[in-house]
Protein backbone atom coordinates (compact mmCIF):
# COMPACT_ATOMS: atom_id res chain seq x y z
CA MET A 1 -53.39 73.40 -199.42
CA THR A 2 -56.15 73.11 -197.12
CA LEU A 3 -56.10 74.85 -193.89
CA LEU A 4 -57.33 73.21 -190.94
CA ALA A 5 -59.85 75.15 -189.31
CA PHE A 6 -60.28 74.83 -185.63
CA SER A 7 -63.30 75.84 -183.85
CA SER A 8 -63.61 76.30 -180.14
CA GLY A 9 -65.37 72.89 -179.84
CA ASP A 10 -62.39 71.28 -181.61
CA LEU A 11 -59.93 72.95 -179.41
CA TRP A 12 -61.83 71.76 -176.38
CA ARG A 13 -61.76 68.18 -177.67
CA VAL A 14 -58.05 68.32 -178.35
CA ALA A 15 -57.39 69.80 -174.84
CA LEU A 16 -59.53 67.01 -173.36
CA ALA A 17 -57.69 64.34 -175.34
CA VAL A 18 -54.29 65.68 -174.18
CA PHE A 19 -55.60 65.80 -170.53
CA LEU A 20 -56.81 62.23 -170.80
CA LEU A 21 -53.53 61.03 -172.38
CA ALA A 22 -51.62 62.70 -169.56
CA ILE A 23 -53.95 61.08 -166.99
CA GLY A 24 -53.42 57.68 -168.73
CA ILE A 25 -49.75 58.10 -168.71
CA ALA A 26 -49.65 59.20 -165.08
CA ALA A 27 -51.92 56.33 -164.08
CA ALA A 28 -49.70 53.75 -165.96
CA TYR A 29 -46.51 55.22 -164.23
CA PHE A 30 -48.38 55.09 -160.83
CA LEU A 31 -49.42 51.44 -161.41
CA LEU A 32 -45.93 50.33 -162.45
CA ARG A 33 -44.53 51.91 -159.30
CA LEU A 34 -47.26 50.25 -157.24
CA GLY A 35 -46.45 46.97 -158.80
CA GLU A 36 -42.72 47.30 -157.95
CA THR A 37 -43.62 48.31 -154.40
CA ALA A 38 -45.93 45.30 -154.08
CA LYS A 39 -43.07 43.02 -155.43
CA ARG A 40 -40.64 44.42 -152.93
CA ALA A 41 -43.23 43.92 -150.13
CA SER A 42 -43.87 40.38 -151.16
CA SER A 43 -40.12 39.68 -151.14
CA LEU A 44 -39.76 41.26 -147.70
CA ILE A 45 -42.65 39.11 -146.39
CA THR A 46 -41.09 35.98 -147.92
CA GLY A 47 -37.66 36.79 -146.25
CA ILE A 48 -39.42 37.48 -142.89
CA GLU A 49 -41.17 34.13 -143.12
CA LYS A 50 -37.98 32.29 -143.93
CA SER A 51 -36.16 33.87 -140.93
CA VAL A 52 -38.87 34.13 -138.33
CA ILE A 53 -40.32 30.49 -138.58
CA PRO A 54 -37.00 28.87 -137.49
CA VAL A 55 -36.71 31.44 -134.64
CA ILE A 56 -40.29 30.55 -133.53
CA GLY A 57 -39.33 26.89 -133.60
CA LYS A 58 -36.21 27.43 -131.58
CA ALA A 59 -38.25 29.53 -129.06
CA GLY A 60 -40.76 26.69 -128.78
CA GLY A 61 -37.95 24.21 -128.03
CA SER A 62 -36.47 26.53 -125.50
CA LEU A 63 -39.80 26.92 -123.74
CA ASP A 64 -40.20 23.12 -123.71
CA ARG A 65 -36.74 22.76 -122.02
CA ILE A 66 -37.58 25.51 -119.55
CA ASN A 67 -40.86 23.76 -118.65
CA GLN A 68 -39.01 20.51 -118.10
CA GLN A 69 -36.50 22.22 -115.74
CA LEU A 70 -39.38 23.99 -113.85
CA ASP A 71 -41.01 20.52 -113.42
CA LYS A 72 -37.70 19.24 -111.98
CA VAL A 73 -37.58 22.27 -109.59
CA ASP A 74 -41.21 21.63 -108.58
CA ARG A 75 -40.45 18.00 -107.69
CA MET A 76 -37.36 19.14 -105.67
CA THR A 77 -39.45 21.70 -103.72
CA ASP A 78 -42.13 19.03 -103.05
CA SER A 79 -39.35 16.71 -101.73
CA ALA A 80 -37.95 19.51 -99.52
CA VAL A 81 -41.44 20.17 -98.11
CA ASP A 82 -41.98 16.54 -97.45
CA ALA A 83 -38.54 16.27 -95.78
CA ALA A 84 -39.35 19.26 -93.56
CA ASP A 85 -42.72 17.76 -92.61
CA SER A 86 -41.03 14.48 -91.68
CA ALA A 87 -38.43 16.34 -89.69
CA ASP A 88 -41.21 18.34 -87.86
CA THR A 89 -43.05 15.14 -87.06
CA ALA A 90 -39.98 13.48 -85.67
CA VAL A 91 -39.14 16.54 -83.53
CA ARG A 92 -42.70 16.53 -82.23
CA ALA A 93 -42.57 12.93 -81.35
CA ILE A 94 -39.18 13.27 -79.67
CA THR A 95 -40.34 16.35 -77.76
CA THR A 96 -43.45 14.48 -76.60
CA ALA A 97 -41.36 11.60 -75.44
CA ILE A 98 -39.00 13.76 -73.49
CA VAL A 99 -41.43 16.29 -72.08
CA ARG A 100 -43.25 13.91 -69.72
CA PRO A 101 -40.21 12.64 -67.90
CA VAL A 102 -38.76 16.08 -67.65
CA GLN A 103 -42.00 17.33 -66.22
CA LYS A 104 -42.02 14.50 -63.64
CA VAL A 105 -38.38 14.98 -62.64
CA SER A 106 -38.76 18.82 -62.54
CA GLY A 107 -41.95 18.57 -60.47
CA LEU A 108 -40.40 16.09 -58.12
CA ALA A 109 -37.34 18.37 -57.62
CA ALA A 110 -39.72 21.35 -56.97
CA ALA A 111 -41.81 19.22 -54.61
CA ILE A 112 -38.73 18.10 -52.57
CA THR A 113 -37.24 21.60 -52.41
CA HIS A 114 -40.36 23.41 -51.42
CA GLY A 115 -41.61 20.61 -49.14
CA SER A 116 -38.33 20.42 -47.18
CA ALA A 117 -38.08 24.22 -46.97
CA ASP A 118 -41.67 24.30 -45.60
CA PHE A 119 -40.86 21.40 -43.21
CA ARG A 120 -37.79 23.20 -41.88
CA ALA A 121 -39.80 26.43 -41.48
CA HIS A 122 -42.89 25.06 -39.82
CA ARG A 123 -42.01 21.55 -38.55
CA ASN A 124 -45.42 20.31 -39.93
CA PHE A 125 -45.25 17.20 -42.13
CA ARG A 126 -48.72 17.55 -43.68
CA ALA A 127 -48.24 21.20 -44.61
CA ALA A 128 -44.82 20.38 -46.08
CA LEU A 129 -46.52 17.58 -48.24
CA ALA A 130 -49.17 20.14 -49.37
CA ALA A 131 -46.52 22.76 -50.15
CA GLY A 132 -44.57 20.05 -52.11
CA ARG A 133 -47.68 19.14 -54.19
CA ASP A 134 -48.50 22.75 -54.96
CA ALA A 135 -44.81 23.35 -56.04
CA LYS A 136 -45.01 20.27 -58.22
CA GLU A 137 -48.18 21.39 -59.98
CA ARG A 138 -46.98 24.91 -60.42
CA ARG A 139 -43.72 23.70 -61.87
CA GLY A 140 -45.59 21.43 -64.30
CA ARG A 141 -47.77 24.41 -65.51
CA GLU A 142 -44.68 26.62 -65.82
CA LEU A 143 -42.92 24.04 -67.94
CA VAL A 144 -45.92 23.59 -70.19
CA GLU A 145 -46.25 27.41 -70.53
CA GLU A 146 -42.49 27.64 -71.40
CA LEU A 147 -42.80 24.88 -74.07
CA GLN A 148 -45.85 26.55 -75.62
CA ALA A 149 -44.05 29.90 -75.74
CA THR A 150 -41.11 28.30 -77.34
CA GLU A 151 -43.31 26.53 -79.81
CA ARG A 152 -45.15 29.87 -80.74
CA THR A 153 -41.87 31.60 -81.35
CA THR A 154 -40.31 28.80 -83.43
CA GLY A 155 -43.35 27.36 -85.12
């Protein structure tokens, strides 16, 4: 029988071979686990694609319907603004048509009232006419100021 003689160099080589064999086995185990993890990640991504893409399609359809409804609301608000502008124009036209006769009648009433009061007080016809004209002009200015004040508070 022959004895195997080991020298320190042989022992070192055996230890290195065992170490490299252990590293190789560990690396193979790690790569197998990494492959399984990659397979699960790929499966997860495929599942997400299958479930998310229809949701994105539905969301896009919903956004299209929302945009259509917003367009309808926009048309309605434009119509309401146009109607309000038309009403404002009509009110201004009616106001203009009514203001002049009211000014004339109001001025005439003020002129008669103040002129007759002045005539009774002083018995002077020319002074009564002048007082009537002044009262008519004053009442016309007051009426214009009242209408402007009303327009500022409402408009």
